[in-house]
Amino acid sequence: MANVMNRTARAAWFTGAAIGFLVAMSSAQAGPLDELAGKWSGDGKANLTDGTSENIKCNATYTVSGNSLKLRLVCASSGGYKIDANSDMKVIDGFLSGRWTESSKNLAGEVSGSARGNTIDAKLESGGTPLMMVKVVTTAATQTTPPVPASQSVNVKLQQGGHSLKDVRISLTKA
């Protein structure tokens, strides 16, 4: 049972990070969501309750059509965990809603939240059970010399006990 909880928690934080990233970018853009289209990558740490941490790397691909956003995210930790997550969301007037799936762990759920300025707060649930809170802060690209690409700070905090994962911190950059 503990092993199932650990797999569920890890799959949820990868998926939460992906959804947080997707939503934060949409709230940071003043114009159409087309700015999201393309490939993004980054790395970070998964912090465990025993005080240790694992390095993670993520790659994301976004498809945008109007206010609809589709995401495919593949992440892996140095401990051998792999996540293959997809989301299908809408962002309307600063509010987000949608669904997520994680195919390698056979998980699915709902996401909801708000976007204010360059910060979003999102809640990830599965079957009505809160799994985590996601906070994302976005920094826009600059046209300085040399140019600096758009980047994000993604923080995920699990809401359910009984597993070894405490929180996750990821930095992402547009390719």
C-alpha atoms as a PDB file:
ATOM      1  CA  MET A   1       0.000   0.000   0.000  1.00  0.00           C
ATOM      2  CA  ALA A   2       2.823   2.438   0.869  1.00  0.00           C
ATOM      3  CA  ASN A   3       4.464   1.703  -2.498  1.00  0.00           C
ATOM      4  CA  VAL A   4       1.210   2.563  -4.312  1.00  0.00           C
ATOM      5  CA  MET A   5       0.936   5.833  -2.328  1.00  0.00           C
ATOM      6  CA  ASN A   6       4.530   6.753  -3.208  1.00  0.00           C
ATOM      7  CA  ARG A   7       3.936   6.070  -6.934  1.00  0.00           C
ATOM      8  CA  THR A   8       0.679   8.044  -6.836  1.00  0.00           C
ATOM      9  CA  ALA A   9       2.303  10.970  -5.024  1.00  0.00           C
ATOM     10  CA  ARG A  10       5.247  11.124  -7.419  1.00  0.00           C
ATOM     11  CA  ALA A  11       3.011  10.891 -10.482  1.00  0.00           C
ATOM     12  CA  ALA A  12       0.787  13.616  -9.042  1.00  0.00           C
ATOM     13  CA  TRP A  13       3.628  16.064  -8.405  1.00  0.00           C
ATOM     14  CA  PHE A  14       5.017  15.622 -11.927  1.00  0.00           C
ATOM     15  CA  THR A  15       1.554  16.200 -13.340  1.00  0.00           C
ATOM     16  CA  GLY A  16       0.943  19.123 -10.976  1.00  0.00           C
ATOM     17  CA  ALA A  17       4.158  20.762 -12.069  1.00  0.00           C
ATOM     18  CA  ALA A  18       3.141  20.386 -15.701  1.00  0.00           C
ATOM     19  CA  ILE A  19      -0.283  21.886 -15.150  1.00  0.00           C
ATOM     20  CA  GLY A  20       1.146  24.711 -13.070  1.00  0.00           C
ATOM     21  CA  PHE A  21       3.615  25.510 -15.809  1.00  0.00           C
ATOM     22  CA  LEU A  22       0.907  25.519 -18.451  1.00  0.00           C
ATOM     23  CA  VAL A  23      -1.401  27.796 -16.497  1.00  0.00           C
ATOM     24  CA  ALA A  24       1.276  30.233 -15.381  1.00  0.00           C
ATOM     25  CA  MET A  25       2.443  30.804 -18.928  1.00  0.00           C
ATOM     26  CA  SER A  26      -1.095  31.520 -20.065  1.00  0.00           C
ATOM     27  CA  SER A  27      -1.609  34.062 -17.287  1.00  0.00           C
ATOM     28  CA  ALA A  28       1.702  35.771 -18.023  1.00  0.00           C
ATOM     29  CA  GLN A  29       0.869  36.410 -21.671  1.00  0.00           C
ATOM     30  CA  ALA A  30      -1.061  39.581 -22.475  1.00  0.00           C
ATOM     31  CA  GLY A  31      -1.981  38.364 -25.945  1.00  0.00           C
ATOM     32  CA  PRO A  32      -3.034  35.075 -27.471  1.00  0.00           C
ATOM     33  CA  LEU A  33      -1.933  31.780 -25.962  1.00  0.00           C
ATOM     34  CA  ASP A  34       0.064  31.102 -29.127  1.00  0.00           C
ATOM     35  CA  GLU A  35       3.184  32.149 -27.186  1.00  0.00           C
ATOM     36  CA  LEU A  36       2.951  28.812 -25.344  1.00  0.00           C
ATOM     37  CA  ALA A  37       3.320  26.668 -28.454  1.00  0.00           C
ATOM     38  CA  GLY A  38       6.572  24.787 -28.637  1.00  0.00           C
ATOM     39  CA  LYS A  39       9.062  22.952 -26.498  1.00  0.00           C
ATOM     40  CA  TRP A  40      10.181  23.718 -22.931  1.00  0.00           C
ATOM     41  CA  SER A  41      12.675  21.993 -20.650  1.00  0.00           C
ATOM     42  CA  GLY A  42      14.074  22.232 -17.152  1.00  0.00           C
ATOM     43  CA  ASP A  43      15.287  20.569 -14.024  1.00  0.00           C
ATOM     44  CA  GLY A  44      14.819  20.691 -10.282  1.00  0.00           C
ATOM     45  CA  LYS A  45      14.572  18.693  -7.081  1.00  0.00           C
ATOM     46  CA  ALA A  46      12.008  16.461  -5.442  1.00  0.00           C
ATOM     47  CA  ASN A  47      12.372  16.840  -1.662  1.00  0.00           C
ATOM     48  CA  LEU A  48      11.526  13.799   0.439  1.00  0.00           C
ATOM     49  CA  THR A  49      10.221  13.686   4.012  1.00  0.00           C
ATOM     50  CA  ASP A  50      13.439  11.996   5.237  1.00  0.00           C
ATOM     51  CA  GLY A  51      15.461  15.104   4.266  1.00  0.00           C
ATOM     52  CA  THR A  52      16.949  13.681   1.060  1.00  0.00           C
ATOM     53  CA  SER A  53      16.200  14.878  -2.471  1.00  0.00           C
ATOM     54  CA  GLU A  54      16.216  13.565  -6.049  1.00  0.00           C
ATOM     55  CA  ASN A  55      17.206  15.475  -9.189  1.00  0.00           C
ATOM     56  CA  ILE A  56      14.576  15.642 -11.946  1.00  0.00           C
ATOM     57  CA  LYS A  57      14.542  16.670 -15.624  1.00  0.00           C
ATOM     58  CA  CYS A  58      11.445  17.543 -17.647  1.00  0.00           C
ATOM     59  CA  ASN A  59      10.533  18.158 -21.306  1.00  0.00           C
ATOM     60  CA  ALA A  60       7.187  19.636 -22.337  1.00  0.00           C
ATOM     61  CA  THR A  61       5.425  20.182 -25.670  1.00  0.00           C
ATOM     62  CA  TYR A  62       2.441  22.551 -25.916  1.00  0.00           C
ATOM     63  CA  THR A  63      -0.276  22.797 -28.576  1.00  0.00           C
ATOM     64  CA  VAL A  64      -2.497  25.888 -28.479  1.00  0.00           C
ATOM     65  CA  SER A  65      -5.835  26.608 -30.158  1.00  0.00           C
ATOM     66  CA  GLY A  66      -7.688  29.715 -28.963  1.00  0.00           C
ATOM     67  CA  ASN A  67      -8.158  29.402 -25.189  1.00  0.00           C
ATOM     68  CA  SER A  68      -7.565  25.609 -25.267  1.00  0.00           C
ATOM     69  CA  LEU A  69      -4.203  24.261 -24.197  1.00  0.00           C
ATOM     70  CA  LYS A  70      -2.874  20.731 -24.623  1.00  0.00           C
ATOM     71  CA  LEU A  71       0.270  19.576 -22.904  1.00  0.00           C
ATOM     72  CA  ARG A  72       2.494  16.508 -23.083  1.00  0.00           C
ATOM     73  CA  LEU A  73       5.090  16.303 -20.322  1.00  0.00           C
ATOM     74  CA  VAL A  74       7.747  13.662 -19.806  1.00  0.00           C
ATOM     75  CA  CYS A  75       9.814  13.826 -16.612  1.00  0.00           C
ATOM     76  CA  ALA A  76      12.385  11.554 -15.012  1.00  0.00           C
ATOM     77  CA  SER A  77      14.159  11.596 -11.665  1.00  0.00           C
ATOM     78  CA  SER A  78      17.675  10.462 -10.909  1.00  0.00           C
ATOM     79  CA  GLY A  79      16.035   7.637  -8.912  1.00  0.00           C
ATOM     80  CA  GLY A  80      14.556   6.104 -12.078  1.00  0.00           C
ATOM     81  CA  TYR A  81      10.981   7.450 -11.947  1.00  0.00           C
ATOM     82  CA  LYS A  82       9.347   8.375 -15.245  1.00  0.00           C
ATOM     83  CA  ILE A  83       6.137  10.275 -15.796  1.00  0.00           C
ATOM     84  CA  ASP A  84       4.199  10.629 -19.052  1.00  0.00           C
ATOM     85  CA  ALA A  85       1.484  13.217 -18.407  1.00  0.00           C
ATOM     86  CA  ASN A  86      -1.087  14.907 -20.635  1.00  0.00           C
ATOM     87  CA  SER A  87      -3.512  17.719 -19.888  1.00  0.00           C
ATOM     88  CA  ASP A  88      -6.370  19.363 -21.726  1.00  0.00           C
ATOM     89  CA  MET A  89      -7.346  22.713 -20.230  1.00  0.00           C
ATOM     90  CA  LYS A  90      -9.092  26.005 -20.845  1.00  0.00           C
ATOM     91  CA  VAL A  91      -8.057  29.380 -19.449  1.00  0.00           C
ATOM     92  CA  ILE A  92     -10.867  31.949 -19.418  1.00  0.00           C
ATOM     93  CA  ASP A  93     -10.743  35.356 -17.694  1.00  0.00           C
ATOM     94  CA  GLY A  94      -7.939  34.300 -15.350  1.00  0.00           C
ATOM     95  CA  PHE A  95      -9.648  31.072 -14.260  1.00  0.00           C
ATOM     96  CA  LEU A  96      -8.469  27.635 -15.271  1.00  0.00           C
ATOM     97  CA  SER A  97     -10.172  24.287 -15.488  1.00  0.00           C
ATOM     98  CA  GLY A  98      -9.495  20.987 -17.122  1.00  0.00           C
ATOM     99  CA  ARG A  99      -8.391  17.393 -16.801  1.00  0.00           C
ATOM    100  CA  TRP A 100      -5.066  15.581 -16.541  1.00  0.00           C
ATOM    101  CA  THR A 101      -3.933  12.005 -17.072  1.00  0.00           C
ATOM    102  CA  GLU A 102      -0.730  10.163 -16.261  1.00  0.00           C
ATOM    103  CA  SER A 103      -0.460   7.093 -18.474  1.00  0.00           C
ATOM    104  CA  SER A 104       2.443   5.246 -16.821  1.00  0.00           C
ATOM    105  CA  LYS A 105       0.620   5.184 -13.438  1.00  0.00           C
ATOM    106  CA  ASN A 106      -2.947   5.062 -14.841  1.00  0.00           C
ATOM    107  CA  LEU A 107      -4.037   8.204 -12.951  1.00  0.00           C
ATOM    108  CA  ALA A 108      -6.463  10.959 -13.906  1.00  0.00           C
ATOM    109  CA  GLY A 109      -8.127  13.950 -12.311  1.00  0.00           C
ATOM    110  CA  GLU A 110      -9.252  17.566 -12.401  1.00  0.00           C
ATOM    111  CA  VAL A 111      -7.429  20.876 -12.050  1.00  0.00           C
ATOM    112  CA  SER A 112      -8.853  24.252 -11.011  1.00  0.00           C
ATOM    113  CA  GLY A 113      -7.439  27.554  -9.851  1.00  0.00           C
ATOM    114  CA  SER A 114      -6.743  31.185 -10.579  1.00  0.00           C
ATOM    115  CA  ALA A 115      -4.168  33.289 -12.390  1.00  0.00           C
ATOM    116  CA  ARG A 116      -3.251  36.737 -11.044  1.00  0.00           C
ATOM    117  CA  GLY A 117      -0.497  38.750 -12.734  1.00  0.00           C
ATOM    118  CA  ASN A 118       2.557  36.523 -13.133  1.00  0.00           C
ATOM    119  CA  THR A 119       1.487  34.070 -10.392  1.00  0.00           C
ATOM    120  CA  ILE A 120      -0.954  31.192 -10.448  1.00  0.00           C
ATOM    121  CA  ASP A 121      -2.342  29.026  -7.691  1.00  0.00           C
ATOM    122  CA  ALA A 122      -3.819  25.703  -8.781  1.00  0.00           C
ATOM    123  CA  LYS A 123      -5.350  22.702  -7.041  1.00  0.00           C
ATOM    124  CA  LEU A 124      -4.898  19.211  -8.453  1.00  0.00           C
ATOM    125  CA  GLU A 125      -7.509  16.604  -7.499  1.00  0.00           C
ATOM    126  CA  SER A 126      -8.361  13.028  -8.328  1.00  0.00           C
ATOM    127  CA  GLY A 127     -11.842  11.710  -7.612  1.00  0.00           C
ATOM    128  CA  GLY A 128     -12.595  14.777  -5.472  1.00  0.00           C
ATOM    129  CA  THR A 129      -9.555  14.163  -3.223  1.00  0.00           C
ATOM    130  CA  PRO A 130      -7.082  17.090  -3.072  1.00  0.00           C
ATOM    131  CA  LEU A 131      -3.623  15.860  -4.070  1.00  0.00           C
ATOM    132  CA  MET A 132      -1.510  19.005  -4.204  1.00  0.00           C
ATOM    133  CA  MET A 133      -1.227  22.751  -4.485  1.00  0.00           C
ATOM    134  CA  VAL A 134       0.868  24.255  -7.286  1.00  0.00           C
ATOM    135  CA  LYS A 135       2.325  27.787  -7.266  1.00  0.00           C
ATOM    136  CA  VAL A 136       4.051  29.113 -10.381  1.00  0.00           C
ATOM    137  CA  VAL A 137       5.826  32.430 -10.919  1.00  0.00           C
ATOM    138  CA  THR A 138       6.693  33.358 -14.515  1.00  0.00           C
ATOM    139  CA  THR A 139       9.415  35.715 -15.737  1.00  0.00           C
ATOM    140  CA  ALA A 140       8.939  36.982 -19.290  1.00  0.00           C
ATOM    141  CA  ALA A 141      11.655  36.750 -21.929  1.00  0.00           C
ATOM    142  CA  THR A 142      13.833  39.819 -22.429  1.00  0.00           C
ATOM    143  CA  GLN A 143      15.247  41.268 -25.635  1.00  0.00           C
ATOM    144  CA  THR A 144      18.528  42.265 -23.995  1.00  0.00           C
ATOM    145  CA  THR A 145      21.918  41.337 -25.427  1.00  0.00           C
ATOM    146  CA  PRO A 146      22.159  38.453 -25.058  1.00  0.00           C
ATOM    147  CA  PRO A 147      18.406  37.733 -24.941  1.00  0.00           C
ATOM    148  CA  VAL A 148      17.058  35.878 -21.918  1.00  0.00           C
ATOM    149  CA  PRO A 149      14.335  33.256 -22.628  1.00  0.00           C
ATOM    150  CA  ALA A 150      11.077  33.036 -20.690  1.00  0.00           C
ATOM    151  CA  SER A 151      11.463  31.050 -17.469  1.00  0.00           C
ATOM    152  CA  GLN A 152       9.407  29.735 -14.584  1.00  0.00           C
ATOM    153  CA  SER A 153       9.691  28.717 -10.979  1.00  0.00           C
ATOM    154  CA  VAL A 154       7.293  25.834 -10.226  1.00  0.00           C
ATOM    155  CA  ASN A 155       6.608  24.805  -6.620  1.00  0.00           C
ATOM    156  CA  VAL A 156       4.431  21.800  -5.809  1.00  0.00           C
ATOM    157  CA  LYS A 157       3.347  20.869  -2.270  1.00  0.00           C
ATOM    158  CA  LEU A 158       1.574  17.586  -1.629  1.00  0.00           C
ATOM    159  CA  GLN A 159      -1.643  17.697   0.413  1.00  0.00           C
ATOM    160  CA  GLN A 160      -1.927  14.010   1.338  1.00  0.00           C
ATOM    161  CA  GLY A 161       0.234  12.251   3.939  1.00  0.00           C
ATOM    162  CA  GLY A 162       1.389   8.654   3.954  1.00  0.00           C
ATOM    163  CA  HIS A 163       4.118   8.966   1.304  1.00  0.00           C
ATOM    164  CA  SER A 164       7.785   9.921   1.167  1.00  0.00           C
ATOM    165  CA  LEU A 165       7.434  12.963  -1.129  1.00  0.00           C
ATOM    166  CA  LYS A 166       7.252  16.379   0.564  1.00  0.00           C
ATOM    167  CA  ASP A 167       7.510  18.963  -2.225  1.00  0.00           C
ATOM    168  CA  VAL A 168       9.019  19.675  -5.640  1.00  0.00           C
ATOM    169  CA  ARG A 169      10.816  22.713  -7.073  1.00  0.00           C
ATOM    170  CA  ILE A 170      11.429  22.992 -10.833  1.00  0.00           C
ATOM    171  CA  SER A 171      12.898  25.702 -13.105  1.00  0.00           C
ATOM    172  CA  LEU A 172      11.798  25.651 -16.767  1.00  0.00           C
ATOM    173  CA  THR A 173      12.996  27.555 -19.842  1.00  0.00           C
ATOM    174  CA  LYS A 174      11.508  27.871 -23.333  1.00  0.00           C
ATOM    175  CA  ALA A 175      13.720  26.193 -25.945  1.00  0.00           C
END
